[in-house]
Amino acid sequence: MDVILRLTEAVEQLTVRQTAADLELRCFTPEEAARLLGKTENWVVEAIRERRIPFTYVGRSPRLTADHIRWVQANGEVRPSRYAKPAR
């Protein structure tokens, strides 16, 4: 009986794991996106409302795809100026 229980748990864990393809197709809620971006849910909601970040609607709910989250990360990047003082 113990073997069957462990096997059942192992199979359930396999179905829960998401592949990279699953994550690419998934739409994240503002709360989930905020967690991934290290921001607050309020920041994400306001950025969507003000159209500062890309998003899509699923029904009437705003959602962010993995590509949208990568866009936010890439467009927030700041590169050092070529005139910056070198680090010691």
PDB file of N, CA and C in Angstrom:
ATOM      1  N   MET A   1       0.817  -1.189   0.000  1.00  0.00           N
ATOM      2  CA  MET A   1       0.000   0.000   0.000  1.00  0.00           C
ATOM      3  C   MET A   1       0.866   1.261   0.000  1.00  0.00           C
ATOM      4  N   ASP A   2       1.946   1.245   0.742  1.00  0.00           N
ATOM      5  CA  ASP A   2       2.855   2.389   0.809  1.00  0.00           C
ATOM      6  C   ASP A   2       3.474   2.672  -0.561  1.00  0.00           C
ATOM      7  N   VAL A   3       3.770   1.638  -1.318  1.00  0.00           N
ATOM      8  CA  VAL A   3       4.353   1.802  -2.649  1.00  0.00           C
ATOM      9  C   VAL A   3       3.354   2.473  -3.586  1.00  0.00           C
ATOM     10  N   ILE A   4       2.116   2.092  -3.493  1.00  0.00           N
ATOM     11  CA  ILE A   4       1.078   2.679  -4.349  1.00  0.00           C
ATOM     12  C   ILE A   4       0.905   4.160  -4.021  1.00  0.00           C
ATOM     13  N   LEU A   5       0.937   4.500  -2.739  1.00  0.00           N
ATOM     14  CA  LEU A   5       0.805   5.891  -2.331  1.00  0.00           C
ATOM     15  C   LEU A   5       1.967   6.734  -2.847  1.00  0.00           C
ATOM     16  N   ARG A   6       3.182   6.226  -2.718  1.00  0.00           N
ATOM     17  CA  ARG A   6       4.352   6.956  -3.222  1.00  0.00           C
ATOM     18  C   ARG A   6       4.309   7.092  -4.734  1.00  0.00           C
ATOM     19  N   LEU A   7       3.881   6.056  -5.422  1.00  0.00           N
ATOM     20  CA  LEU A   7       3.778   6.103  -6.878  1.00  0.00           C
ATOM     21  C   LEU A   7       2.728   7.126  -7.312  1.00  0.00           C
ATOM     22  N   THR A   8       1.611   7.164  -6.617  1.00  0.00           N
ATOM     23  CA  THR A   8       0.560   8.139  -6.920  1.00  0.00           C
ATOM     24  C   THR A   8       1.075   9.561  -6.740  1.00  0.00           C
ATOM     25  N   GLU A   9       1.798   9.808  -5.643  1.00  0.00           N
ATOM     26  CA  GLU A   9       2.363  11.131  -5.402  1.00  0.00           C
ATOM     27  C   GLU A   9       3.366  11.517  -6.485  1.00  0.00           C
ATOM     28  N   ALA A  10       4.181  10.563  -6.925  1.00  0.00           N
ATOM     29  CA  ALA A  10       5.166  10.836  -7.973  1.00  0.00           C
ATOM     30  C   ALA A  10       4.486  11.202  -9.284  1.00  0.00           C
ATOM     31  N   VAL A  11       3.436  10.497  -9.630  1.00  0.00           N
ATOM     32  CA  VAL A  11       2.705  10.782 -10.872  1.00  0.00           C
ATOM     33  C   VAL A  11       2.036  12.156 -10.781  1.00  0.00           C
ATOM     34  N   GLU A  12       1.479  12.499  -9.635  1.00  0.00           N
ATOM     35  CA  GLU A  12       0.854  13.809  -9.462  1.00  0.00           C
ATOM     36  C   GLU A  12       1.877  14.928  -9.611  1.00  0.00           C
ATOM     37  N   GLN A  13       3.081  14.730  -9.089  1.00  0.00           N
ATOM     38  CA  GLN A  13       4.127  15.737  -9.215  1.00  0.00           C
ATOM     39  C   GLN A  13       4.539  15.924 -10.672  1.00  0.00           C
ATOM     40  N   LEU A  14       4.544  14.857 -11.450  1.00  0.00           N
ATOM     41  CA  LEU A  14       4.889  14.962 -12.869  1.00  0.00           C
ATOM     42  C   LEU A  14       3.873  15.807 -13.619  1.00  0.00           C
ATOM     43  N   THR A  15       2.617  15.684 -13.264  1.00  0.00           N
ATOM     44  CA  THR A  15       1.588  16.452 -13.967  1.00  0.00           C
ATOM     45  C   THR A  15       1.614  17.916 -13.568  1.00  0.00           C
ATOM     46  N   VAL A  16       2.141  18.233 -12.382  1.00  0.00           N
ATOM     47  CA  VAL A  16       2.194  19.609 -11.910  1.00  0.00           C
ATOM     48  C   VAL A  16       3.359  20.367 -12.533  1.00  0.00           C
ATOM     49  N   ARG A  17       4.462  19.712 -12.804  1.00  0.00           N
ATOM     50  CA  ARG A  17       5.642  20.372 -13.364  1.00  0.00           C
ATOM     51  C   ARG A  17       5.310  20.989 -14.712  1.00  0.00           C
ATOM     52  N   GLN A  18       5.790  22.202 -14.891  1.00  0.00           N
ATOM     53  CA  GLN A  18       5.538  22.888 -16.145  1.00  0.00           C
ATOM     54  C   GLN A  18       6.797  22.882 -16.993  1.00  0.00           C
ATOM     55  N   THR A  19       6.618  22.655 -18.265  1.00  0.00           N
ATOM     56  CA  THR A  19       7.744  22.692 -19.187  1.00  0.00           C
ATOM     57  C   THR A  19       7.928  24.123 -19.678  1.00  0.00           C
ATOM     58  N   ALA A  20       9.025  24.371 -20.341  1.00  0.00           N
ATOM     59  CA  ALA A  20       9.273  25.702 -20.905  1.00  0.00           C
ATOM     60  C   ALA A  20       8.175  26.070 -21.898  1.00  0.00           C
ATOM     61  N   ALA A  21       7.710  25.095 -22.667  1.00  0.00           N
ATOM     62  CA  ALA A  21       6.634  25.363 -23.640  1.00  0.00           C
ATOM     63  C   ALA A  21       5.349  25.768 -22.925  1.00  0.00           C
ATOM     64  N   ASP A  22       5.051  25.115 -21.796  1.00  0.00           N
ATOM     65  CA  ASP A  22       3.857  25.477 -21.024  1.00  0.00           C
ATOM     66  C   ASP A  22       3.944  26.915 -20.538  1.00  0.00           C
ATOM     67  N   LEU A  23       5.125  27.311 -20.052  1.00  0.00           N
ATOM     68  CA  LEU A  23       5.298  28.668 -19.544  1.00  0.00           C
ATOM     69  C   LEU A  23       5.191  29.703 -20.654  1.00  0.00           C
ATOM     70  N   GLU A  24       5.632  29.364 -21.859  1.00  0.00           N
ATOM     71  CA  GLU A  24       5.521  30.291 -22.997  1.00  0.00           C
ATOM     72  C   GLU A  24       4.073  30.526 -23.376  1.00  0.00           C
ATOM     73  N   LEU A  25       3.235  29.529 -23.206  1.00  0.00           N
ATOM     74  CA  LEU A  25       1.827  29.647 -23.590  1.00  0.00           C
ATOM     75  C   LEU A  25       0.953  30.195 -22.465  1.00  0.00           C
ATOM     76  N   ARG A  26       1.486  30.234 -21.269  1.00  0.00           N
ATOM     77  CA  ARG A  26       0.712  30.637 -20.102  1.00  0.00           C
ATOM     78  C   ARG A  26       0.539  32.144 -20.043  1.00  0.00           C
ATOM     79  N   CYS A  27      -0.600  32.575 -19.570  1.00  0.00           N
ATOM     80  CA  CYS A  27      -0.853  33.991 -19.302  1.00  0.00           C
ATOM     81  C   CYS A  27      -0.852  34.187 -17.793  1.00  0.00           C
ATOM     82  N   PHE A  28      -0.067  35.156 -17.326  1.00  0.00           N
ATOM     83  CA  PHE A  28       0.096  35.403 -15.902  1.00  0.00           C
ATOM     84  C   PHE A  28      -0.818  36.531 -15.456  1.00  0.00           C
ATOM     85  N   THR A  29      -1.400  36.387 -14.282  1.00  0.00           N
ATOM     86  CA  THR A  29      -2.198  37.457 -13.693  1.00  0.00           C
ATOM     87  C   THR A  29      -1.238  38.571 -13.278  1.00  0.00           C
ATOM     88  N   PRO A  30      -1.752  39.776 -13.044  1.00  0.00           N
ATOM     89  CA  PRO A  30      -0.871  40.839 -12.547  1.00  0.00           C
ATOM     90  C   PRO A  30      -0.141  40.443 -11.254  1.00  0.00           C
ATOM     91  N   GLU A  31      -0.804  39.718 -10.383  1.00  0.00           N
ATOM     92  CA  GLU A  31      -0.169  39.269  -9.135  1.00  0.00           C
ATOM     93  C   GLU A  31       1.002  38.331  -9.422  1.00  0.00           C
ATOM     94  N   GLU A  32       0.792  37.360 -10.322  1.00  0.00           N
ATOM     95  CA  GLU A  32       1.865  36.422 -10.667  1.00  0.00           C
ATOM     96  C   GLU A  32       3.011  37.127 -11.381  1.00  0.00           C
ATOM     97  N   ALA A  33       2.662  38.035 -12.288  1.00  0.00           N
ATOM     98  CA  ALA A  33       3.689  38.785 -13.016  1.00  0.00           C
ATOM     99  C   ALA A  33       4.504  39.650 -12.057  1.00  0.00           C
ATOM    100  N   ALA A  34       3.829  40.264 -11.100  1.00  0.00           N
ATOM    101  CA  ALA A  34       4.525  41.104 -10.114  1.00  0.00           C
ATOM    102  C   ALA A  34       5.537  40.277  -9.335  1.00  0.00           C
ATOM    103  N   ARG A  35       5.151  39.085  -8.948  1.00  0.00           N
ATOM    104  CA  ARG A  35       6.062  38.209  -8.209  1.00  0.00           C
ATOM    105  C   ARG A  35       7.291  37.881  -9.057  1.00  0.00           C
ATOM    106  N   LEU A  36       7.085  37.612 -10.340  1.00  0.00           N
ATOM    107  CA  LEU A  36       8.205  37.287 -11.234  1.00  0.00           C
ATOM    108  C   LEU A  36       9.114  38.492 -11.479  1.00  0.00           C
ATOM    109  N   LEU A  37       8.525  39.674 -11.512  1.00  0.00           N
ATOM    110  CA  LEU A  37       9.285  40.888 -11.779  1.00  0.00           C
ATOM    111  C   LEU A  37       9.888  41.516 -10.524  1.00  0.00           C
ATOM    112  N   GLY A  38       9.489  41.024  -9.372  1.00  0.00           N
ATOM    113  CA  GLY A  38       9.981  41.615  -8.133  1.00  0.00           C
ATOM    114  C   GLY A  38       9.351  42.971  -7.851  1.00  0.00           C
ATOM    115  N   LYS A  39       8.125  43.158  -8.306  1.00  0.00           N
ATOM    116  CA  LYS A  39       7.386  44.412  -8.112  1.00  0.00           C
ATOM    117  C   LYS A  39       6.116  44.094  -7.327  1.00  0.00           C
ATOM    118  N   THR A  40       5.359  45.128  -7.008  1.00  0.00           N
ATOM    119  CA  THR A  40       4.079  44.904  -6.347  1.00  0.00           C
ATOM    120  C   THR A  40       2.989  44.709  -7.397  1.00  0.00           C
ATOM    121  N   GLU A  41       1.920  44.079  -6.975  1.00  0.00           N
ATOM    122  CA  GLU A  41       0.792  43.902  -7.886  1.00  0.00           C
ATOM    123  C   GLU A  41       0.246  45.265  -8.310  1.00  0.00           C
ATOM    124  N   ASN A  42       0.240  46.216  -7.383  1.00  0.00           N
ATOM    125  CA  ASN A  42      -0.240  47.559  -7.681  1.00  0.00           C
ATOM    126  C   ASN A  42       0.584  48.205  -8.791  1.00  0.00           C
ATOM    127  N   TRP A  43       1.902  48.023  -8.763  1.00  0.00           N
ATOM    128  CA  TRP A  43       2.768  48.581  -9.804  1.00  0.00           C
ATOM    129  C   TRP A  43       2.383  48.019 -11.166  1.00  0.00           C
ATOM    130  N   VAL A  44       2.165  46.704 -11.235  1.00  0.00           N
ATOM    131  CA  VAL A  44       1.809  46.057 -12.510  1.00  0.00           C
ATOM    132  C   VAL A  44       0.454  46.558 -12.989  1.00  0.00           C
ATOM    133  N   VAL A  45      -0.519  46.622 -12.097  1.00  0.00           N
ATOM    134  CA  VAL A  45      -1.871  47.071 -12.473  1.00  0.00           C
ATOM    135  C   VAL A  45      -1.829  48.510 -12.985  1.00  0.00           C
ATOM    136  N   GLU A  46      -1.099  49.378 -12.288  1.00  0.00           N
ATOM    137  CA  GLU A  46      -1.003  50.776 -12.735  1.00  0.00           C
ATOM    138  C   GLU A  46      -0.270  50.888 -14.068  1.00  0.00           C
ATOM    139  N   ALA A  47       0.787  50.094 -14.256  1.00  0.00           N
ATOM    140  CA  ALA A  47       1.525  50.125 -15.518  1.00  0.00           C
ATOM    141  C   ALA A  47       0.646  49.648 -16.672  1.00  0.00           C
ATOM    142  N   ILE A  48      -0.206  48.682 -16.415  1.00  0.00           N
ATOM    143  CA  ILE A  48      -1.152  48.216 -17.438  1.00  0.00           C
ATOM    144  C   ILE A  48      -2.167  49.321 -17.729  1.00  0.00           C
ATOM    145  N   ARG A  49      -2.723  49.893 -16.682  1.00  0.00           N
ATOM    146  CA  ARG A  49      -3.736  50.947 -16.842  1.00  0.00           C
ATOM    147  C   ARG A  49      -3.189  52.131 -17.634  1.00  0.00           C
ATOM    148  N   GLU A  50      -1.931  52.490 -17.364  1.00  0.00           N
ATOM    149  CA  GLU A  50      -1.309  53.627 -18.043  1.00  0.00           C
ATOM    150  C   GLU A  50      -0.659  53.236 -19.368  1.00  0.00           C
ATOM    151  N   ARG A  51      -0.773  51.960 -19.731  1.00  0.00           N
ATOM    152  CA  ARG A  51      -0.225  51.434 -20.990  1.00  0.00           C
ATOM    153  C   ARG A  51       1.293  51.614 -21.081  1.00  0.00           C
ATOM    154  N   ARG A  52       1.995  51.461 -19.937  1.00  0.00           N
ATOM    155  CA  ARG A  52       3.454  51.566 -19.923  1.00  0.00           C
ATOM    156  C   ARG A  52       4.127  50.234 -20.208  1.00  0.00           C
ATOM    157  N   ILE A  53       3.386  49.139 -20.048  1.00  0.00           N
ATOM    158  CA  ILE A  53       3.932  47.814 -20.314  1.00  0.00           C
ATOM    159  C   ILE A  53       2.961  47.066 -21.221  1.00  0.00           C
ATOM    160  N   PRO A  54       3.476  46.112 -22.002  1.00  0.00           N
ATOM    161  CA  PRO A  54       2.582  45.344 -22.879  1.00  0.00           C
ATOM    162  C   PRO A  54       1.771  44.332 -22.072  1.00  0.00           C
ATOM    163  N   PHE A  55       0.597  44.043 -22.556  1.00  0.00           N
ATOM    164  CA  PHE A  55      -0.279  43.057 -21.921  1.00  0.00           C
ATOM    165  C   PHE A  55      -1.314  42.612 -22.932  1.00  0.00           C
ATOM    166  N   THR A  56      -2.101  41.646 -22.563  1.00  0.00           N
ATOM    167  CA  THR A  56      -3.190  41.181 -23.408  1.00  0.00           C
ATOM    168  C   THR A  56      -4.411  40.978 -22.528  1.00  0.00           C
ATOM    169  N   TYR A  57      -5.555  40.890 -23.134  1.00  0.00           N
ATOM    170  CA  TYR A  57      -6.765  40.594 -22.387  1.00  0.00           C
ATOM    171  C   TYR A  57      -7.156  39.144 -22.641  1.00  0.00           C
ATOM    172  N   VAL A  58      -7.523  38.467 -21.589  1.00  0.00           N
ATOM    173  CA  VAL A  58      -8.173  37.171 -21.686  1.00  0.00           C
ATOM    174  C   VAL A  58      -9.564  37.412 -21.124  1.00  0.00           C
ATOM    175  N   GLY A  59     -10.520  37.508 -22.030  1.00  0.00           N
ATOM    176  CA  GLY A  59     -11.840  37.967 -21.617  1.00  0.00           C
ATOM    177  C   GLY A  59     -11.721  39.440 -21.265  1.00  0.00           C
ATOM    178  N   ARG A  60     -12.111  39.806 -20.059  1.00  0.00           N
ATOM    179  CA  ARG A  60     -11.996  41.199 -19.622  1.00  0.00           C
ATOM    180  C   ARG A  60     -10.841  41.390 -18.648  1.00  0.00           C
ATOM    181  N   SER A  61     -10.026  40.348 -18.461  1.00  0.00           N
ATOM    182  CA  SER A  61      -8.942  40.404 -17.479  1.00  0.00           C
ATOM    183  C   SER A  61      -7.597  40.625 -18.156  1.00  0.00           C
ATOM    184  N   PRO A  62      -6.822  41.611 -17.704  1.00  0.00           N
ATOM    185  CA  PRO A  62      -5.492  41.814 -18.277  1.00  0.00           C
ATOM    186  C   PRO A  62      -4.542  40.701 -17.828  1.00  0.00           C
ATOM    187  N   ARG A  63      -3.743  40.239 -18.756  1.00  0.00           N
ATOM    188  CA  ARG A  63      -2.779  39.177 -18.473  1.00  0.00           C
ATOM    189  C   ARG A  63      -1.464  39.505 -19.164  1.00  0.00           C
ATOM    190  N   LEU A  64      -0.378  38.960 -18.635  1.00  0.00           N
ATOM    191  CA  LEU A  64       0.936  39.131 -19.239  1.00  0.00           C
ATOM    192  C   LEU A  64       1.481  37.766 -19.643  1.00  0.00           C
ATOM    193  N   THR A  65       2.042  37.709 -20.832  1.00  0.00           N
ATOM    194  CA  THR A  65       2.676  36.478 -21.291  1.00  0.00           C
ATOM    195  C   THR A  65       4.157  36.515 -20.883  1.00  0.00           C
ATOM    196  N   ALA A  66       4.840  35.418 -21.096  1.00  0.00           N
ATOM    197  CA  ALA A  66       6.274  35.367 -20.804  1.00  0.00           C
ATOM    198  C   ALA A  66       7.020  36.400 -21.641  1.00  0.00           C
ATOM    199  N   ASP A  67       6.581  36.601 -22.876  1.00  0.00           N
ATOM    200  CA  ASP A  67       7.213  37.597 -23.745  1.00  0.00           C
ATOM    201  C   ASP A  67       7.019  39.013 -23.203  1.00  0.00           C
ATOM    202  N   HIS A  68       5.841  39.311 -22.670  1.00  0.00           N
ATOM    203  CA  HIS A  68       5.591  40.616 -22.070  1.00  0.00           C
ATOM    204  C   HIS A  68       6.513  40.841 -20.872  1.00  0.00           C
ATOM    205  N   ILE A  69       6.676  39.822 -20.050  1.00  0.00           N
ATOM    206  CA  ILE A  69       7.531  39.936 -18.867  1.00  0.00           C
ATOM    207  C   ILE A  69       8.979  40.149 -19.283  1.00  0.00           C
ATOM    208  N   ARG A  70       9.433  39.429 -20.328  1.00  0.00           N
ATOM    209  CA  ARG A  70      10.798  39.638 -20.832  1.00  0.00           C
ATOM    210  C   ARG A  70      10.960  41.060 -21.366  1.00  0.00           C
ATOM    211  N   TRP A  71       9.920  41.608 -22.019  1.00  0.00           N
ATOM    212  CA  TRP A  71       9.972  42.978 -22.541  1.00  0.00           C
ATOM    213  C   TRP A  71      10.176  43.973 -21.402  1.00  0.00           C
ATOM    214  N   VAL A  72       9.422  43.794 -20.317  1.00  0.00           N
ATOM    215  CA  VAL A  72       9.554  44.694 -19.163  1.00  0.00           C
ATOM    216  C   VAL A  72      10.972  44.627 -18.617  1.00  0.00           C
ATOM    217  N   GLN A  73      11.512  43.427 -18.510  1.00  0.00           N
ATOM    218  CA  GLN A  73      12.871  43.269 -17.995  1.00  0.00           C
ATOM    219  C   GLN A  73      13.886  43.931 -18.928  1.00  0.00           C
ATOM    220  N   ALA A  74      13.747  43.722 -20.218  1.00  0.00           N
ATOM    221  CA  ALA A  74      14.720  44.258 -21.178  1.00  0.00           C
ATOM    222  C   ALA A  74      14.637  45.776 -21.281  1.00  0.00           C
ATOM    223  N   ASN A  75      13.436  46.334 -21.220  1.00  0.00           N
ATOM    224  CA  ASN A  75      13.288  47.773 -21.369  1.00  0.00           C
ATOM    225  C   ASN A  75      13.586  48.547 -20.099  1.00  0.00           C
ATOM    226  N   GLY A  76      13.775  47.846 -19.015  1.00  0.00           N
ATOM    227  CA  GLY A  76      14.167  48.508 -17.785  1.00  0.00           C
ATOM    228  C   GLY A  76      15.675  48.496 -17.595  1.00  0.00           C
ATOM    229  N   GLU A  77      16.374  47.856 -18.525  1.00  0.00           N
ATOM    230  CA  GLU A  77      17.822  47.725 -18.413  1.00  0.00           C
ATOM    231  C   GLU A  77      18.511  49.073 -18.609  1.00  0.00           C
ATOM    232  N   VAL A  78      19.479  49.331 -17.768  1.00  0.00           N
ATOM    233  CA  VAL A  78      20.274  50.551 -17.871  1.00  0.00           C
ATOM    234  C   VAL A  78      21.723  50.134 -18.014  1.00  0.00           C
ATOM    235  N   ARG A  79      22.338  50.555 -19.091  1.00  0.00           N
ATOM    236  CA  ARG A  79      23.742  50.221 -19.328  1.00  0.00           C
ATOM    237  C   ARG A  79      24.618  51.384 -18.893  1.00  0.00           C
ATOM    238  N   PRO A  80      25.809  51.082 -18.397  1.00  0.00           N
ATOM    239  CA  PRO A  80      26.682  52.154 -17.962  1.00  0.00           C
ATOM    240  C   PRO A  80      27.104  53.031 -19.133  1.00  0.00           C
ATOM    241  N   SER A  81      27.289  54.305 -18.855  1.00  0.00           N
ATOM    242  CA  SER A  81      27.749  55.238 -19.851  1.00  0.00           C
ATOM    243  C   SER A  81      29.205  54.930 -20.180  1.00  0.00           C
ATOM    244  N   ARG A  82      29.592  55.187 -21.408  1.00  0.00           N
ATOM    245  CA  ARG A  82      30.998  54.939 -21.758  1.00  0.00           C
ATOM    246  C   ARG A  82      31.917  55.946 -21.055  1.00  0.00           C
ATOM    247  N   TYR A  83      31.287  56.985 -20.493  1.00  0.00           N
ATOM    248  CA  TYR A  83      32.058  57.997 -19.772  1.00  0.00           C
ATOM    249  C   TYR A  83      32.093  57.734 -18.261  1.00  0.00           C
ATOM    250  N   ALA A  84      31.468  56.642 -17.835  1.00  0.00           N
ATOM    251  CA  ALA A  84      31.450  56.343 -16.415  1.00  0.00           C
ATOM    252  C   ALA A  84      32.853  56.031 -15.908  1.00  0.00           C
ATOM    253  N   LYS A  85      33.065  56.351 -14.663  1.00  0.00           N
ATOM    254  CA  LYS A  85      34.354  56.060 -14.043  1.00  0.00           C
ATOM    255  C   LYS A  85      34.496  54.564 -13.867  1.00  0.00           C
ATOM    256  N   PRO A  86      35.672  54.007 -14.144  1.00  0.00           N
ATOM    257  CA  PRO A  86      35.846  52.559 -13.984  1.00  0.00           C
ATOM    258  C   PRO A  86      35.771  52.155 -12.520  1.00  0.00           C
ATOM    259  N   ALA A  87      35.256  50.971 -12.284  1.00  0.00           N
ATOM    260  CA  ALA A  87      35.173  50.449 -10.924  1.00  0.00           C
ATOM    261  C   ALA A  87      36.560  50.098 -10.415  1.00  0.00           C
ATOM    262  N   ARG A  88      36.792  50.313  -9.159  1.00  0.00           N
ATOM    263  CA  ARG A  88      38.112  50.017  -8.583  1.00  0.00           C
ATOM    264  C   ARG A  88      38.212  48.631  -8.090  1.00  0.00           C
TER     265      ARG A  88
END
